[in-house]
Amino acid sequence: MTRRQSSTGEKRKRQRSQRRYAFPTAISKAHKRATGRSTTRETPLHIRGHHVTLDDPTREYFRSRVGFKLGKYALALTRISVRIEDVAGPKGAPAHTCRIKVVLPHYPQVVVSAADAIPRVAFDQAADATERAVRRLLGRGRRSERRRAR
């Protein structure tokens, strides 16, 4: 077994125990380059609010929820960003959109958007849809690799 295979196997074992952890705020580029494929604790998650103030409990909820939904795919992810935006209409009705962007190496980016009057509800809808989209994308990749192997 080569050194690369053994390090990947060790990361998979570590990832199994970390698969439901919250994603960290940021990781230095040097650390990211050195680690290569990263576990849940090494994959950065950026949370931004545009015309919306996000308090610390809300940010922690977003981190833990994204960790719960996407943590199982962390070895395949490069980075994740969540953006909550206030898009009130001309009559002033409250409306918020949540856009989650997931970057995967060798795959197109996954961008999912959801809207609701309450930011947390919009985030929950977007997180559910993002999990389905990533699962579908990675499932397709595995199937096409199996076909090529035959």
C-alpha atoms as a PDB file:
ATOM      1  CA  MET A   1       0.000   0.000   0.000  1.00  0.00           C
ATOM      2  CA  THR A   2       1.355   3.417  -0.918  1.00  0.00           C
ATOM      3  CA  ARG A   3       1.686   6.335   1.449  1.00  0.00           C
ATOM      4  CA  ARG A   4      -1.156   8.197  -0.291  1.00  0.00           C
ATOM      5  CA  GLN A   5      -3.531   5.258   0.120  1.00  0.00           C
ATOM      6  CA  SER A   6      -2.712   4.889   3.805  1.00  0.00           C
ATOM      7  CA  SER A   7      -3.257   8.608   4.511  1.00  0.00           C
ATOM      8  CA  THR A   8      -6.587   8.524   2.670  1.00  0.00           C
ATOM      9  CA  GLY A   9      -7.629   5.482   4.699  1.00  0.00           C
ATOM     10  CA  GLU A  10      -6.706   7.241   7.921  1.00  0.00           C
ATOM     11  CA  LYS A  11      -8.731  10.295   6.889  1.00  0.00           C
ATOM     12  CA  ARG A  12     -11.729   8.119   6.105  1.00  0.00           C
ATOM     13  CA  LYS A  13     -11.523   6.578   9.582  1.00  0.00           C
ATOM     14  CA  ARG A  14     -11.226  10.031  11.160  1.00  0.00           C
ATOM     15  CA  GLN A  15     -14.107  11.299   9.033  1.00  0.00           C
ATOM     16  CA  ARG A  16     -16.419   8.514  10.196  1.00  0.00           C
ATOM     17  CA  SER A  17     -16.079   9.760  13.759  1.00  0.00           C
ATOM     18  CA  GLN A  18     -16.396  13.443  12.735  1.00  0.00           C
ATOM     19  CA  ARG A  19     -19.174  13.177  10.182  1.00  0.00           C
ATOM     20  CA  ARG A  20     -21.763  15.062  12.249  1.00  0.00           C
ATOM     21  CA  TYR A  21     -19.467  17.799  13.625  1.00  0.00           C
ATOM     22  CA  ALA A  22     -19.932  21.482  12.827  1.00  0.00           C
ATOM     23  CA  PHE A  23     -17.791  22.972  10.070  1.00  0.00           C
ATOM     24  CA  PRO A  24     -15.142  25.532  11.181  1.00  0.00           C
ATOM     25  CA  THR A  25     -15.178  29.241  10.369  1.00  0.00           C
ATOM     26  CA  ALA A  26     -11.971  29.340   8.350  1.00  0.00           C
ATOM     27  CA  ILE A  27      -8.879  27.319   7.541  1.00  0.00           C
ATOM     28  CA  SER A  28      -5.567  28.817   6.452  1.00  0.00           C
ATOM     29  CA  LYS A  29      -4.633  28.237   2.815  1.00  0.00           C
ATOM     30  CA  ALA A  30      -1.334  26.657   3.802  1.00  0.00           C
ATOM     31  CA  HIS A  31      -3.111  24.131   6.029  1.00  0.00           C
ATOM     32  CA  LYS A  32      -5.704  23.445   3.325  1.00  0.00           C
ATOM     33  CA  ARG A  33      -2.992  22.776   0.721  1.00  0.00           C
ATOM     34  CA  ALA A  34      -1.128  20.476   3.073  1.00  0.00           C
ATOM     35  CA  THR A  35      -4.164  18.402   4.047  1.00  0.00           C
ATOM     36  CA  GLY A  36      -5.569  17.838   0.555  1.00  0.00           C
ATOM     37  CA  ARG A  37      -8.866  16.052   1.092  1.00  0.00           C
ATOM     38  CA  SER A  38     -10.270  17.384   4.316  1.00  0.00           C
ATOM     39  CA  THR A  39     -12.492  16.053   7.060  1.00  0.00           C
ATOM     40  CA  THR A  40     -15.425  17.939   8.560  1.00  0.00           C
ATOM     41  CA  ARG A  41     -13.195  19.807  11.004  1.00  0.00           C
ATOM     42  CA  GLU A  42     -10.910  20.923   8.156  1.00  0.00           C
ATOM     43  CA  THR A  43     -13.518  22.101   5.591  1.00  0.00           C
ATOM     44  CA  PRO A  44     -14.275  25.842   5.866  1.00  0.00           C
ATOM     45  CA  LEU A  45     -17.846  27.162   6.077  1.00  0.00           C
ATOM     46  CA  HIS A  46     -18.393  30.880   5.483  1.00  0.00           C
ATOM     47  CA  ILE A  47     -21.636  32.482   6.703  1.00  0.00           C
ATOM     48  CA  ARG A  48     -22.580  35.928   5.445  1.00  0.00           C
ATOM     49  CA  GLY A  49     -25.591  38.144   6.041  1.00  0.00           C
ATOM     50  CA  HIS A  50     -26.526  40.870   3.556  1.00  0.00           C
ATOM     51  CA  HIS A  51     -28.825  43.457   5.163  1.00  0.00           C
ATOM     52  CA  VAL A  52     -29.459  40.862   7.897  1.00  0.00           C
ATOM     53  CA  THR A  53     -27.803  40.717  11.301  1.00  0.00           C
ATOM     54  CA  LEU A  54     -26.896  37.185  12.311  1.00  0.00           C
ATOM     55  CA  ASP A  55     -26.227  36.663  16.009  1.00  0.00           C
ATOM     56  CA  ASP A  56     -23.858  34.008  17.372  1.00  0.00           C
ATOM     57  CA  PRO A  57     -26.546  31.411  18.264  1.00  0.00           C
ATOM     58  CA  THR A  58     -27.923  31.623  14.716  1.00  0.00           C
ATOM     59  CA  ARG A  59     -24.460  31.214  13.210  1.00  0.00           C
ATOM     60  CA  GLU A  60     -23.797  28.189  15.460  1.00  0.00           C
ATOM     61  CA  TYR A  61     -27.144  26.697  14.428  1.00  0.00           C
ATOM     62  CA  PHE A  62     -26.175  27.123  10.759  1.00  0.00           C
ATOM     63  CA  ARG A  63     -22.766  25.510  11.379  1.00  0.00           C
ATOM     64  CA  SER A  64     -24.162  22.520  13.234  1.00  0.00           C
ATOM     65  CA  ARG A  65     -27.019  22.024  10.768  1.00  0.00           C
ATOM     66  CA  VAL A  66     -24.736  22.142   7.721  1.00  0.00           C
ATOM     67  CA  GLY A  67     -22.375  19.784   9.543  1.00  0.00           C
ATOM     68  CA  PHE A  68     -25.243  17.391  10.129  1.00  0.00           C
ATOM     69  CA  LYS A  69     -26.466  17.577   6.526  1.00  0.00           C
ATOM     70  CA  LEU A  70     -23.174  17.711   4.594  1.00  0.00           C
ATOM     71  CA  GLY A  71     -20.627  16.294   7.063  1.00  0.00           C
ATOM     72  CA  LYS A  72     -20.865  12.845   5.551  1.00  0.00           C
ATOM     73  CA  TYR A  73     -19.594  14.272   2.243  1.00  0.00           C
ATOM     74  CA  ALA A  74     -16.762  16.346   3.773  1.00  0.00           C
ATOM     75  CA  LEU A  75     -13.967  14.353   2.121  1.00  0.00           C
ATOM     76  CA  ALA A  76     -15.434  15.329  -1.255  1.00  0.00           C
ATOM     77  CA  LEU A  77     -15.997  19.045  -0.442  1.00  0.00           C
ATOM     78  CA  THR A  78     -13.570  21.937  -0.810  1.00  0.00           C
ATOM     79  CA  ARG A  79     -15.555  24.741   0.837  1.00  0.00           C
ATOM     80  CA  ILE A  80     -19.091  25.834   1.647  1.00  0.00           C
ATOM     81  CA  SER A  81     -20.662  29.274   1.859  1.00  0.00           C
ATOM     82  CA  VAL A  82     -24.056  30.312   3.213  1.00  0.00           C
ATOM     83  CA  ARG A  83     -25.505  33.718   2.360  1.00  0.00           C
ATOM     84  CA  ILE A  84     -28.671  35.109   3.941  1.00  0.00           C
ATOM     85  CA  GLU A  85     -30.088  38.166   2.212  1.00  0.00           C
ATOM     86  CA  ASP A  86     -33.042  40.439   2.957  1.00  0.00           C
ATOM     87  CA  VAL A  87     -34.968  40.926  -0.264  1.00  0.00           C
ATOM     88  CA  ALA A  88     -37.985  42.889   0.950  1.00  0.00           C
ATOM     89  CA  GLY A  89     -40.448  43.710  -1.789  1.00  0.00           C
ATOM     90  CA  PRO A  90     -41.635  47.201  -2.787  1.00  0.00           C
ATOM     91  CA  LYS A  91     -44.437  47.104  -0.220  1.00  0.00           C
ATOM     92  CA  GLY A  92     -42.032  46.175   2.569  1.00  0.00           C
ATOM     93  CA  ALA A  93     -43.134  42.580   3.099  1.00  0.00           C
ATOM     94  CA  PRO A  94     -40.343  40.699   4.878  1.00  0.00           C
ATOM     95  CA  ALA A  95     -38.619  38.176   2.652  1.00  0.00           C
ATOM     96  CA  HIS A  96     -35.282  36.450   3.072  1.00  0.00           C
ATOM     97  CA  THR A  97     -33.342  34.276   0.680  1.00  0.00           C
ATOM     98  CA  CYS A  98     -30.696  31.763   1.633  1.00  0.00           C
ATOM     99  CA  ARG A  99     -28.133  30.701  -0.924  1.00  0.00           C
ATOM    100  CA  ILE A 100     -25.801  27.807  -0.162  1.00  0.00           C
ATOM    101  CA  LYS A 101     -22.836  27.221  -2.448  1.00  0.00           C
ATOM    102  CA  VAL A 102     -20.765  24.047  -2.242  1.00  0.00           C
ATOM    103  CA  VAL A 103     -17.474  23.739  -4.115  1.00  0.00           C
ATOM    104  CA  LEU A 104     -16.311  20.240  -5.034  1.00  0.00           C
ATOM    105  CA  PRO A 105     -13.092  19.399  -6.884  1.00  0.00           C
ATOM    106  CA  HIS A 106     -13.607  17.920 -10.381  1.00  0.00           C
ATOM    107  CA  TYR A 107     -17.366  18.673 -10.247  1.00  0.00           C
ATOM    108  CA  PRO A 108     -19.444  21.749 -11.000  1.00  0.00           C
ATOM    109  CA  GLN A 109     -20.404  23.978  -8.072  1.00  0.00           C
ATOM    110  CA  VAL A 110     -23.691  23.245  -6.328  1.00  0.00           C
ATOM    111  CA  VAL A 111     -25.723  26.406  -5.701  1.00  0.00           C
ATOM    112  CA  VAL A 112     -29.109  26.131  -3.998  1.00  0.00           C
ATOM    113  CA  SER A 113     -31.416  28.993  -3.110  1.00  0.00           C
ATOM    114  CA  ALA A 114     -34.570  29.115  -0.970  1.00  0.00           C
ATOM    115  CA  ALA A 115     -36.805  31.980   0.144  1.00  0.00           C
ATOM    116  CA  ASP A 116     -39.114  32.552   3.115  1.00  0.00           C
ATOM    117  CA  ALA A 117     -40.244  35.323   5.453  1.00  0.00           C
ATOM    118  CA  ILE A 118     -38.135  33.846   8.271  1.00  0.00           C
ATOM    119  CA  PRO A 119     -34.369  33.492   7.635  1.00  0.00           C
ATOM    120  CA  ARG A 120     -34.040  30.259   9.618  1.00  0.00           C
ATOM    121  CA  VAL A 121     -36.821  28.566   7.627  1.00  0.00           C
ATOM    122  CA  ALA A 122     -35.222  29.665   4.350  1.00  0.00           C
ATOM    123  CA  PHE A 123     -31.904  28.225   5.567  1.00  0.00           C
ATOM    124  CA  ASP A 124     -33.481  24.890   6.571  1.00  0.00           C
ATOM    125  CA  GLN A 125     -35.116  24.528   3.148  1.00  0.00           C
ATOM    126  CA  ALA A 126     -31.873  25.369   1.363  1.00  0.00           C
ATOM    127  CA  ALA A 127     -29.843  22.965   3.537  1.00  0.00           C
ATOM    128  CA  ASP A 128     -32.212  20.086   2.775  1.00  0.00           C
ATOM    129  CA  ALA A 129     -32.084  20.807  -0.958  1.00  0.00           C
ATOM    130  CA  THR A 130     -28.284  21.137  -0.872  1.00  0.00           C
ATOM    131  CA  GLU A 131     -27.899  17.731   0.749  1.00  0.00           C
ATOM    132  CA  ARG A 132     -30.046  16.156  -1.971  1.00  0.00           C
ATOM    133  CA  ALA A 133     -28.139  17.940  -4.746  1.00  0.00           C
ATOM    134  CA  VAL A 134     -24.700  16.921  -3.414  1.00  0.00           C
ATOM    135  CA  ARG A 135     -25.833  13.328  -2.877  1.00  0.00           C
ATOM    136  CA  ARG A 136     -27.185  13.173  -6.425  1.00  0.00           C
ATOM    137  CA  LEU A 137     -24.034  14.733  -7.919  1.00  0.00           C
ATOM    138  CA  LEU A 138     -21.628  12.436  -6.070  1.00  0.00           C
ATOM    139  CA  GLY A 139     -23.797   9.401  -6.778  1.00  0.00           C
ATOM    140  CA  ARG A 140     -23.669  10.146 -10.490  1.00  0.00           C
ATOM    141  CA  GLY A 141     -19.896  10.427 -10.372  1.00  0.00           C
ATOM    142  CA  ARG A 142     -19.507   7.082  -8.668  1.00  0.00           C
ATOM    143  CA  ARG A 143     -21.808   5.377 -11.164  1.00  0.00           C
ATOM    144  CA  SER A 144     -19.954   6.799 -14.168  1.00  0.00           C
ATOM    145  CA  GLU A 145     -16.597   5.750 -12.658  1.00  0.00           C
ATOM    146  CA  ARG A 146     -17.922   2.200 -12.225  1.00  0.00           C
ATOM    147  CA  ARG A 147     -19.035   2.135 -15.846  1.00  0.00           C
ATOM    148  CA  ARG A 148     -15.604   3.292 -17.040  1.00  0.00           C
ATOM    149  CA  ALA A 149     -13.912   0.591 -14.931  1.00  0.00           C
ATOM    150  CA  ARG A 150     -15.807  -2.149 -16.744  1.00  0.00           C
END
